[in-house]
Amino acid sequence: MDSENTAVKTDTQDTPRIYVASLADYNAGRLHGRWISAAQPAEDIHTAIQEMLSESREPIAKDWAIHDYEHFGELRLCEFADIEKVAATARGIVEHGAVFTGLVSHFGGTQSIDEATRYMQEGYRGAFERLSDYAQELIEDCYNESLSKLPDFIRYHIDFEGIADDMQMNGDIFTVECDGQIHVFDSHI
């Protein structure tokens, strides 16, 4: 294979990006493509893809595929992933960090980006070291007045771990683990 490689890195930060390659060049034994920032509007990504294709040495270079990607965390992108969904996912990662990649994975990948975005915006309850910390915070916030009336020997024996487990098993919440923390989401949004 000829090793012509027109890959140009468009940024140096840890923002998600994709390497898009011309399939006509690939089939002709050449690597011709470009690194493109994925955290931009889909129209801009499509423009960059068309620019890359127009620079091809092949007479008819119109087909392309995603041959590599970076900074998408645990997510896996397929060669023919929908650019609009890839762009929306990348913008979510830039805005929310690693928890967003875990959330998108929880819902099955970039095809479920709308659902993941909705849960991030409306259902996110925070990051905790243990799920029982979430349950304790919730119970204390909701029932502070009632708890304060209980004697210490009862209050200190509340099973927050059991409450948290029940909330998760009953489907009231779900979690995404990343960066050593448990991120809690309300299932009923």
C-alpha atoms as a PDB file:
ATOM      1  CA  MET A   1       0.000   0.000   0.000  1.00  0.00           C
ATOM      2  CA  ASP A   2       1.173   3.502  -0.850  1.00  0.00           C
ATOM      3  CA  SER A   3       1.449   5.440   2.393  1.00  0.00           C
ATOM      4  CA  GLU A   4       0.252   8.858   1.255  1.00  0.00           C
ATOM      5  CA  ASN A   5      -1.502  10.166   4.313  1.00  0.00           C
ATOM      6  CA  THR A   6      -3.068  13.575   4.299  1.00  0.00           C
ATOM      7  CA  ALA A   7      -4.239  13.281   7.884  1.00  0.00           C
ATOM      8  CA  VAL A   8      -4.205  16.677   9.500  1.00  0.00           C
ATOM      9  CA  LYS A   9      -4.837  16.982  13.209  1.00  0.00           C
ATOM     10  CA  THR A  10      -7.253  19.857  13.625  1.00  0.00           C
ATOM     11  CA  ASP A  11      -6.780  20.351  17.359  1.00  0.00           C
ATOM     12  CA  THR A  12      -4.458  19.310  20.126  1.00  0.00           C
ATOM     13  CA  GLN A  13      -6.828  19.143  23.062  1.00  0.00           C
ATOM     14  CA  ASP A  14      -8.699  16.119  24.338  1.00  0.00           C
ATOM     15  CA  THR A  15     -11.851  16.935  22.420  1.00  0.00           C
ATOM     16  CA  PRO A  16     -13.499  14.082  20.546  1.00  0.00           C
ATOM     17  CA  ARG A  17     -12.450  13.760  16.944  1.00  0.00           C
ATOM     18  CA  ILE A  18     -12.821  11.350  14.073  1.00  0.00           C
ATOM     19  CA  TYR A  19     -10.520  10.263  11.270  1.00  0.00           C
ATOM     20  CA  VAL A  20     -12.534  10.156   8.063  1.00  0.00           C
ATOM     21  CA  ALA A  21     -11.015   8.367   5.063  1.00  0.00           C
ATOM     22  CA  SER A  22     -11.815   8.351   1.378  1.00  0.00           C
ATOM     23  CA  LEU A  23     -12.967   4.855   0.424  1.00  0.00           C
ATOM     24  CA  ALA A  24     -11.935   5.328  -3.225  1.00  0.00           C
ATOM     25  CA  ASP A  25      -8.367   5.992  -2.100  1.00  0.00           C
ATOM     26  CA  TYR A  26      -8.487   3.139   0.396  1.00  0.00           C
ATOM     27  CA  ASN A  27      -9.609   0.735  -2.334  1.00  0.00           C
ATOM     28  CA  ALA A  28      -6.819   2.039  -4.583  1.00  0.00           C
ATOM     29  CA  GLY A  29      -4.245   1.222  -1.900  1.00  0.00           C
ATOM     30  CA  ARG A  30      -3.740   4.721  -0.509  1.00  0.00           C
ATOM     31  CA  LEU A  31      -4.608   6.212   2.839  1.00  0.00           C
ATOM     32  CA  HIS A  32      -6.228   9.589   2.298  1.00  0.00           C
ATOM     33  CA  GLY A  33      -8.241  11.165   5.065  1.00  0.00           C
ATOM     34  CA  ARG A  34      -8.401  13.827   7.715  1.00  0.00           C
ATOM     35  CA  TRP A  35      -8.769  14.174  11.470  1.00  0.00           C
ATOM     36  CA  ILE A  36     -11.854  16.282  12.134  1.00  0.00           C
ATOM     37  CA  SER A  37     -13.063  17.730  15.408  1.00  0.00           C
ATOM     38  CA  ALA A  38     -16.354  15.994  16.177  1.00  0.00           C
ATOM     39  CA  ALA A  39     -17.502  18.590  18.719  1.00  0.00           C
ATOM     40  CA  GLN A  40     -18.804  20.983  16.092  1.00  0.00           C
ATOM     41  CA  PRO A  41     -22.019  21.262  14.102  1.00  0.00           C
ATOM     42  CA  ALA A  42     -22.650  18.302  11.810  1.00  0.00           C
ATOM     43  CA  GLU A  43     -22.776  20.632   8.797  1.00  0.00           C
ATOM     44  CA  ASP A  44     -19.177  21.689   9.493  1.00  0.00           C
ATOM     45  CA  ILE A  45     -18.090  18.059   9.734  1.00  0.00           C
ATOM     46  CA  HIS A  46     -19.795  17.287   6.410  1.00  0.00           C
ATOM     47  CA  THR A  47     -18.022  20.301   4.858  1.00  0.00           C
ATOM     48  CA  ALA A  48     -14.650  19.049   6.131  1.00  0.00           C
ATOM     49  CA  ILE A  49     -15.404  15.579   4.731  1.00  0.00           C
ATOM     50  CA  GLN A  50     -16.260  17.042   1.313  1.00  0.00           C
ATOM     51  CA  GLU A  51     -13.058  19.113   1.368  1.00  0.00           C
ATOM     52  CA  MET A  52     -11.034  15.999   2.156  1.00  0.00           C
ATOM     53  CA  LEU A  53     -12.729  14.075  -0.669  1.00  0.00           C
ATOM     54  CA  SER A  54     -12.096  16.916  -3.131  1.00  0.00           C
ATOM     55  CA  GLU A  55      -8.339  16.602  -2.426  1.00  0.00           C
ATOM     56  CA  SER A  56      -8.307  12.940  -3.432  1.00  0.00           C
ATOM     57  CA  ARG A  57      -6.194  11.725  -6.353  1.00  0.00           C
ATOM     58  CA  GLU A  58      -9.007   9.376  -7.347  1.00  0.00           C
ATOM     59  CA  PRO A  59     -11.305  10.639 -10.128  1.00  0.00           C
ATOM     60  CA  ILE A  60     -14.479   9.641  -8.289  1.00  0.00           C
ATOM     61  CA  ALA A  61     -14.058  10.043  -4.533  1.00  0.00           C
ATOM     62  CA  LYS A  62     -17.447  10.423  -2.937  1.00  0.00           C
ATOM     63  CA  ASP A  63     -17.683   7.622  -0.375  1.00  0.00           C
ATOM     64  CA  TRP A  64     -16.066   7.852   3.026  1.00  0.00           C
ATOM     65  CA  ALA A  65     -15.925   6.067   6.369  1.00  0.00           C
ATOM     66  CA  ILE A  66     -14.802   6.756   9.905  1.00  0.00           C
ATOM     67  CA  HIS A  67     -11.570   4.768  10.230  1.00  0.00           C
ATOM     68  CA  ASP A  68     -10.476   5.992  13.654  1.00  0.00           C
ATOM     69  CA  TYR A  69     -11.574   8.194  16.526  1.00  0.00           C
ATOM     70  CA  GLU A  70     -10.209   9.623  19.766  1.00  0.00           C
ATOM     71  CA  HIS A  71     -11.539  10.910  23.079  1.00  0.00           C
ATOM     72  CA  PHE A  72     -14.891   9.142  22.959  1.00  0.00           C
ATOM     73  CA  GLY A  73     -14.121   7.201  26.137  1.00  0.00           C
ATOM     74  CA  GLU A  74     -15.665   3.760  26.237  1.00  0.00           C
ATOM     75  CA  LEU A  75     -17.919   4.449  23.239  1.00  0.00           C
ATOM     76  CA  ARG A  76     -17.295   2.597  20.015  1.00  0.00           C
ATOM     77  CA  LEU A  77     -18.121   4.269  16.728  1.00  0.00           C
ATOM     78  CA  CYS A  78     -18.864   2.262  13.612  1.00  0.00           C
ATOM     79  CA  GLU A  79     -17.423   3.205  10.232  1.00  0.00           C
ATOM     80  CA  PHE A  80     -20.715   4.553   8.982  1.00  0.00           C
ATOM     81  CA  ALA A  81     -22.023   6.216  12.141  1.00  0.00           C
ATOM     82  CA  ASP A  82     -24.494   9.030  11.603  1.00  0.00           C
ATOM     83  CA  ILE A  83     -22.494  12.283  11.666  1.00  0.00           C
ATOM     84  CA  GLU A  84     -25.318  14.215  13.340  1.00  0.00           C
ATOM     85  CA  LYS A  85     -25.349  11.717  16.200  1.00  0.00           C
ATOM     86  CA  VAL A  86     -21.540  11.635  16.408  1.00  0.00           C
ATOM     87  CA  ALA A  87     -21.460  15.448  16.615  1.00  0.00           C
ATOM     88  CA  ALA A  88     -24.170  15.559  19.288  1.00  0.00           C
ATOM     89  CA  THR A  89     -22.325  12.899  21.292  1.00  0.00           C
ATOM     90  CA  ALA A  90     -19.024  14.764  21.028  1.00  0.00           C
ATOM     91  CA  ARG A  91     -20.621  18.024  22.178  1.00  0.00           C
ATOM     92  CA  GLY A  92     -22.152  16.182  25.148  1.00  0.00           C
ATOM     93  CA  ILE A  93     -18.752  14.753  26.076  1.00  0.00           C
ATOM     94  CA  VAL A  94     -17.174  18.208  25.919  1.00  0.00           C
ATOM     95  CA  GLU A  95     -19.969  19.650  28.075  1.00  0.00           C
ATOM     96  CA  HIS A  96     -20.382  16.869  30.665  1.00  0.00           C
ATOM     97  CA  GLY A  97     -17.185  14.820  30.563  1.00  0.00           C
ATOM     98  CA  ALA A  98     -16.682  11.087  30.959  1.00  0.00           C
ATOM     99  CA  VAL A  99     -20.031  10.499  32.632  1.00  0.00           C
ATOM    100  CA  PHE A 100     -21.708  11.338  29.337  1.00  0.00           C
ATOM    101  CA  THR A 101     -19.825   8.610  27.467  1.00  0.00           C
ATOM    102  CA  GLY A 102     -20.968   6.149  30.112  1.00  0.00           C
ATOM    103  CA  LEU A 103     -24.540   7.362  29.787  1.00  0.00           C
ATOM    104  CA  VAL A 104     -24.521   7.075  25.991  1.00  0.00           C
ATOM    105  CA  SER A 105     -23.080   3.556  26.348  1.00  0.00           C
ATOM    106  CA  HIS A 106     -25.785   2.724  28.926  1.00  0.00           C
ATOM    107  CA  PHE A 107     -28.410   3.508  26.295  1.00  0.00           C
ATOM    108  CA  GLY A 108     -26.665   1.499  23.565  1.00  0.00           C
ATOM    109  CA  GLY A 109     -24.472   4.001  21.738  1.00  0.00           C
ATOM    110  CA  THR A 110     -24.774   7.081  19.596  1.00  0.00           C
ATOM    111  CA  GLN A 111     -28.081   5.916  18.080  1.00  0.00           C
ATOM    112  CA  SER A 112     -29.671   6.772  21.462  1.00  0.00           C
ATOM    113  CA  ILE A 113     -28.055  10.201  21.830  1.00  0.00           C
ATOM    114  CA  ASP A 114     -31.399  11.986  22.242  1.00  0.00           C
ATOM    115  CA  GLU A 115     -32.393   9.785  25.181  1.00  0.00           C
ATOM    116  CA  ALA A 116     -28.958  10.098  26.786  1.00  0.00           C
ATOM    117  CA  THR A 117     -29.057  13.882  26.428  1.00  0.00           C
ATOM    118  CA  ARG A 118     -32.515  14.036  28.002  1.00  0.00           C
ATOM    119  CA  TYR A 119     -31.417  11.954  30.997  1.00  0.00           C
ATOM    120  CA  MET A 120     -28.262  14.046  31.422  1.00  0.00           C
ATOM    121  CA  GLN A 121     -30.310  17.236  31.473  1.00  0.00           C
ATOM    122  CA  GLU A 122     -33.330  16.078  33.447  1.00  0.00           C
ATOM    123  CA  GLY A 123     -32.393  12.939  35.368  1.00  0.00           C
ATOM    124  CA  TYR A 124     -28.847  13.453  36.648  1.00  0.00           C
ATOM    125  CA  ARG A 125     -28.750  13.392  40.454  1.00  0.00           C
ATOM    126  CA  GLY A 126     -25.015  13.677  41.059  1.00  0.00           C
ATOM    127  CA  ALA A 127     -21.796  11.763  41.637  1.00  0.00           C
ATOM    128  CA  PHE A 128     -21.167   9.763  44.811  1.00  0.00           C
ATOM    129  CA  GLU A 129     -18.495   7.483  46.215  1.00  0.00           C
ATOM    130  CA  ARG A 130     -21.123   4.917  47.186  1.00  0.00           C
ATOM    131  CA  LEU A 131     -24.744   4.507  46.174  1.00  0.00           C
ATOM    132  CA  SER A 132     -25.679   4.566  49.861  1.00  0.00           C
ATOM    133  CA  ASP A 133     -24.366   8.163  50.012  1.00  0.00           C
ATOM    134  CA  TYR A 134     -26.985   9.138  47.453  1.00  0.00           C
ATOM    135  CA  ALA A 135     -29.748   7.381  49.402  1.00  0.00           C
ATOM    136  CA  GLN A 136     -28.671   9.051  52.641  1.00  0.00           C
ATOM    137  CA  GLU A 137     -28.587  12.506  51.037  1.00  0.00           C
ATOM    138  CA  LEU A 138     -32.007  11.966  49.467  1.00  0.00           C
ATOM    139  CA  ILE A 139     -33.611  10.678  52.693  1.00  0.00           C
ATOM    140  CA  GLU A 140     -32.090  13.461  54.784  1.00  0.00           C
ATOM    141  CA  ASP A 141     -33.219  16.125  52.288  1.00  0.00           C
ATOM    142  CA  CYS A 142     -36.762  14.777  52.044  1.00  0.00           C
ATOM    143  CA  TYR A 143     -37.328  13.727  55.642  1.00  0.00           C
ATOM    144  CA  ASN A 144     -35.024  15.983  57.649  1.00  0.00           C
ATOM    145  CA  GLU A 145     -37.746  17.148  60.039  1.00  0.00           C
ATOM    146  CA  SER A 146     -39.004  13.611  60.693  1.00  0.00           C
ATOM    147  CA  LEU A 147     -35.475  12.237  61.096  1.00  0.00           C
ATOM    148  CA  SER A 148     -34.563  14.918  63.610  1.00  0.00           C
ATOM    149  CA  LYS A 149     -37.414  13.707  65.861  1.00  0.00           C
ATOM    150  CA  LEU A 150     -36.042  10.162  65.956  1.00  0.00           C
ATOM    151  CA  PRO A 151     -33.761   9.132  68.805  1.00  0.00           C
ATOM    152  CA  ASP A 152     -30.107   8.710  67.842  1.00  0.00           C
ATOM    153  CA  PHE A 153     -30.098   4.946  68.389  1.00  0.00           C
ATOM    154  CA  ILE A 154     -32.708   4.620  65.621  1.00  0.00           C
ATOM    155  CA  ARG A 155     -31.397   7.346  63.306  1.00  0.00           C
ATOM    156  CA  TYR A 156     -27.863   5.868  63.333  1.00  0.00           C
ATOM    157  CA  HIS A 157     -29.161   2.453  62.268  1.00  0.00           C
ATOM    158  CA  ILE A 158     -31.024   3.419  59.118  1.00  0.00           C
ATOM    159  CA  ASP A 159     -29.927   1.058  56.341  1.00  0.00           C
ATOM    160  CA  PHE A 160     -29.068   3.529  53.567  1.00  0.00           C
ATOM    161  CA  GLU A 161     -27.283   0.803  51.627  1.00  0.00           C
ATOM    162  CA  GLY A 162     -30.426  -1.330  51.631  1.00  0.00           C
ATOM    163  CA  ILE A 163     -32.534   1.663  50.602  1.00  0.00           C
ATOM    164  CA  ALA A 164     -30.142   2.402  47.733  1.00  0.00           C
ATOM    165  CA  ASP A 165     -30.185  -1.226  46.585  1.00  0.00           C
ATOM    166  CA  ASP A 166     -33.997  -1.268  46.651  1.00  0.00           C
ATOM    167  CA  MET A 167     -34.164   1.982  44.658  1.00  0.00           C
ATOM    168  CA  GLN A 168     -31.912   0.506  42.003  1.00  0.00           C
ATOM    169  CA  MET A 169     -33.587  -2.925  41.898  1.00  0.00           C
ATOM    170  CA  ASN A 170     -37.044  -1.320  41.705  1.00  0.00           C
ATOM    171  CA  GLY A 171     -35.936   0.744  38.717  1.00  0.00           C
ATOM    172  CA  ASP A 172     -36.279   4.115  40.438  1.00  0.00           C
ATOM    173  CA  ILE A 173     -32.657   4.969  39.637  1.00  0.00           C
ATOM    174  CA  PHE A 174     -29.824   3.679  37.488  1.00  0.00           C
ATOM    175  CA  THR A 175     -26.118   4.337  37.723  1.00  0.00           C
ATOM    176  CA  VAL A 176     -23.115   4.921  35.506  1.00  0.00           C
ATOM    177  CA  GLU A 177     -19.687   4.311  37.010  1.00  0.00           C
ATOM    178  CA  CYS A 178     -16.711   6.332  35.824  1.00  0.00           C
ATOM    179  CA  ASP A 179     -13.691   8.111  37.231  1.00  0.00           C
ATOM    180  CA  GLY A 180     -14.046   6.202  40.494  1.00  0.00           C
ATOM    181  CA  GLN A 181     -17.511   7.555  41.215  1.00  0.00           C
ATOM    182  CA  ILE A 182     -21.081   6.382  40.898  1.00  0.00           C
ATOM    183  CA  HIS A 183     -23.245   8.772  38.868  1.00  0.00           C
ATOM    184  CA  VAL A 184     -26.920   8.477  39.739  1.00  0.00           C
ATOM    185  CA  PHE A 185     -29.812   9.077  37.355  1.00  0.00           C
ATOM    186  CA  ASP A 186     -33.533   9.200  38.111  1.00  0.00           C
ATOM    187  CA  SER A 187     -35.288   6.610  35.933  1.00  0.00           C
ATOM    188  CA  HIS A 188     -38.651   8.389  36.073  1.00  0.00           C
ATOM    189  CA  ILE A 189     -38.180  11.575  34.097  1.00  0.00           C
END
